[in-house]
Protein backbone atom coordinates (compact mmCIF):
# COMPACT_ATOMS: atom_id res chain seq x y z
CA MET A 1 34.08 72.39 77.55
CA LYS A 2 36.49 71.37 80.42
CA ARG A 3 37.81 73.88 82.63
CA ILE A 4 40.00 74.28 86.23
CA TRP A 5 38.33 75.26 89.44
CA VAL A 6 39.04 77.26 92.37
CA ASN A 7 37.18 76.41 95.47
CA LYS A 8 39.05 79.70 97.16
CA GLU A 9 38.00 78.57 100.74
CA LYS A 10 39.85 76.04 100.54
CA CYS A 11 42.84 76.67 99.04
CA MET A 12 45.76 77.55 101.85
CA GLY A 13 48.83 79.55 99.42
CA CYS A 14 51.07 75.80 100.00
CA LYS A 15 51.42 76.96 96.20
CA THR A 16 51.99 73.05 95.99
CA CYS A 17 50.28 73.20 92.01
CA GLU A 18 52.71 76.23 91.62
CA LEU A 19 55.36 73.67 91.63
CA GLN A 20 53.67 70.87 90.17
CA CYS A 21 53.31 72.92 87.71
CA ALA A 22 56.78 74.35 86.45
CA VAL A 23 58.85 70.43 87.14
CA GLU A 24 55.23 68.41 84.70
CA ARG A 25 55.32 71.69 81.93
CA ASN A 26 59.36 72.67 82.51
CA SER A 27 62.06 70.61 83.87
CA ALA A 28 64.49 67.76 81.89
CA SER A 29 64.23 66.21 84.94
CA ARG A 30 60.39 65.91 85.98
CA THR A 31 60.99 65.70 89.52
CA LEU A 32 62.07 68.01 92.02
CA ALA A 33 65.37 67.71 92.84
CA GLY A 34 66.09 67.27 89.48
CA ALA A 35 64.58 70.91 88.00
CA ILE A 36 65.90 72.01 91.41
CA HIS A 37 69.96 71.57 90.08
CA GLU A 38 68.11 73.12 86.35
CA ASP A 39 69.06 75.34 84.45
CA PRO A 40 66.72 77.97 83.90
CA LYS A 41 64.93 77.38 86.44
CA PRO A 42 61.37 75.64 85.36
CA VAL A 43 58.30 77.92 84.82
CA ALA A 44 55.09 77.48 86.28
CA ARG A 45 51.85 78.69 83.92
CA VAL A 46 49.89 78.84 87.23
CA GLY A 47 51.24 81.04 90.47
CA VAL A 48 49.17 81.43 93.97
CA PHE A 49 48.95 85.26 95.01
CA GLY A 50 47.47 86.21 98.70
CA THR A 51 48.45 85.38 101.96
CA THR A 52 47.65 81.98 103.49
CA GLY A 53 44.39 82.23 104.71
CA GLN A 54 43.34 84.66 101.59
CA SER A 55 45.17 82.91 98.59
CA PHE A 56 44.19 82.40 95.42
CA PRO A 57 45.83 80.21 92.21
CA ILE A 58 45.91 82.46 89.35
CA GLN A 59 45.91 80.70 86.02
CA CYS A 60 44.29 81.24 81.95
CA ARG A 61 40.03 81.00 82.34
CA HIS A 62 40.54 80.15 78.80
CA CYS A 63 37.75 82.89 77.76
CA GLU A 64 35.22 82.44 75.35
CA ASP A 65 36.46 85.79 73.63
CA GLY A 66 39.75 85.55 74.58
CA PRO A 67 40.98 88.70 74.04
CA CYS A 68 45.13 87.59 74.20
CA LEU A 69 44.25 85.75 71.27
CA LYS A 70 42.27 88.97 69.68
CA ALA A 71 45.34 91.05 70.39
CA CYS A 72 48.58 87.85 69.39
CA PRO A 73 49.72 89.11 65.69
CA SER A 74 52.10 86.50 64.67
CA GLY A 75 48.64 83.91 66.15
CA ALA A 76 50.88 82.20 68.56
CA LEU A 77 47.53 82.17 70.55
CA GLN A 78 45.55 79.83 69.35
CA ARG A 79 42.34 77.81 69.88
CA ASP A 80 42.27 74.10 70.41
CA ALA A 81 39.25 72.59 68.69
CA GLU A 82 39.24 69.98 70.84
CA SER A 83 39.50 71.32 74.02
CA GLY A 84 38.61 74.18 73.67
CA SER A 85 42.04 75.29 75.46
CA VAL A 86 43.42 78.30 74.34
CA PHE A 87 47.70 77.66 74.23
CA ILE A 88 50.97 79.58 73.11
CA ASP A 89 52.50 78.25 69.88
CA GLN A 90 56.17 79.43 70.89
CA ALA A 91 57.82 78.47 67.68
CA LYS A 92 55.76 81.41 66.66
CA CYS A 93 56.12 84.07 69.05
CA ARG A 94 58.11 86.59 69.21
CA GLY A 95 57.49 88.51 72.29
CA CYS A 96 55.77 91.29 71.56
CA TRP A 97 53.66 90.57 74.96
CA MET A 98 50.21 92.01 73.42
CA CYS A 99 48.83 88.88 74.66
CA VAL A 100 50.11 90.68 78.65
CA MET A 101 48.71 93.19 78.53
CA ASN A 102 45.43 92.41 77.12
CA CYS A 103 44.75 89.66 79.87
CA ALA A 104 41.95 90.67 82.31
CA PHE A 105 43.79 88.10 84.69
CA GLY A 106 47.43 88.60 84.96
CA ALA A 107 47.87 85.10 83.43
CA VAL A 108 48.96 84.97 80.28
CA VAL A 109 53.14 86.20 81.60
CA PRO A 110 55.77 86.96 79.86
CA SER A 111 59.15 84.96 80.12
CA ALA A 112 61.92 87.54 79.53
CA LYS A 113 64.71 84.32 79.38
CA PHE A 114 62.64 82.27 76.88
CA LYS A 115 61.19 85.90 75.35
CA VAL A 116 57.82 84.41 74.67
CA ALA A 117 54.94 84.22 76.72
CA ILE A 118 53.42 81.93 79.22
CA LYS A 119 50.02 80.72 80.35
CA CYS A 120 48.36 77.71 81.63
CA ASP A 121 47.13 75.33 78.41
CA ALA A 122 45.65 73.38 81.18
CA CYS A 123 47.51 70.19 80.95
CA MET A 124 46.17 69.53 77.64
CA HIS A 125 49.10 66.83 76.56
CA MET A 126 47.26 65.59 80.38
CA GLU A 127 44.30 63.77 81.33
CA GLU A 128 44.52 65.86 83.75
CA PRO A 129 45.48 69.16 84.70
CA ALA A 130 49.77 68.58 86.87
CA CYS A 131 48.30 72.08 89.21
CA VAL A 132 44.42 70.36 89.54
CA ALA A 133 47.16 66.44 90.50
CA SER A 134 48.90 67.90 93.22
CA CYS A 135 46.46 69.75 94.63
CA PRO A 136 46.47 68.52 98.70
CA THR A 137 43.10 70.19 99.66
CA GLY A 138 41.19 69.49 96.54
CA ALA A 139 40.64 73.09 95.72
CA LEU A 140 41.20 73.29 92.48
CA LEU A 141 38.85 71.54 90.62
CA TYR A 142 38.36 69.78 86.65
CA GLY A 143 35.68 69.18 85.02
CA ASP A 144 32.15 70.51 83.00
CA GLU A 145 30.97 73.75 84.87
CA ALA A 146 27.71 71.30 85.04
CA GLY A 147 29.83 69.19 87.48
CA TYR A 148 31.05 72.78 89.21
CA GLN A 149 27.29 73.96 89.71
CA LYS A 150 26.73 70.66 91.77
CA VAL A 151 29.93 71.61 94.11
CA LEU A 152 28.43 74.23 94.50
CA ALA A 153 24.64 73.83 95.13
CA ASP A 154 25.92 70.59 97.56
CA ARG A 155 28.37 73.60 99.42
CA ARG A 156 24.94 75.93 99.61
CA GLY A 157 23.40 73.53 101.06
CA ARG A 158 25.60 72.27 102.86
CA ILE A 159 25.55 75.98 104.67
CA ALA A 160 21.83 76.55 104.52
CA LEU A 161 21.81 73.23 105.96
CA PHE A 162 23.94 74.27 109.23
CA ALA A 163 22.77 78.04 109.15
CA ALA A 164 19.22 76.56 109.67
CA ALA A 165 20.10 74.82 112.75
CA ASP A 166 21.07 77.39 114.63
CA PRO A 167 18.21 80.01 114.83
CA LYS A 168 20.50 82.72 116.19
CA ILE A 169 22.10 82.85 112.80
CA ILE A 170 20.99 85.72 110.83
CA SER A 171 23.62 85.63 107.95
CA LEU A 172 26.68 84.54 106.50
CA ASP A 173 28.79 87.02 107.51
CA TYR A 174 27.56 87.01 110.97
CA VAL A 175 29.01 82.36 110.69
CA ARG A 176 32.08 84.05 109.87
CA GLU A 177 32.50 86.46 111.72
CA GLY A 178 31.43 85.02 115.34
CA ASN A 179 29.19 88.09 116.60
CA GLU A 180 27.22 87.62 119.60
CA ARG A 181 23.93 89.67 118.89
């Protein structure tokens, strides 16, 4: 199953993913300039939290056990059989917020204006999610777990080579903090 993966070290908290998500998913005009003048304002399905340099985008993890799926009394939350993504059939949503209360990641949010729950569905209708396509730093990746593990292994390899090149480095915390011993 393809997922959205986050490289938190690359996220600078610019919120480009939020803006693109809102424009792509909820805007009638499908442009940022047009979305600014729309009422109600478009709502993003991803949120970036934290301060610059320590920020992290939060979106649905499409959990295998899906506590939000189990909590939904109306059956509005469903799993797409083909992609494995969890999505909300907004026509069935009653706005009870049981899914909001059961999401451990805070990825399902209530929309009081529309009286439905809103969450990331990994842009099931698109080739690549809007947030991933718009991320200027490449902090968001879209792919299967094997592909992401390859990215992590490559990163670990670069860190190991960096650490091996300097015998004064005793730990990654030492590198990060710039301590001298």
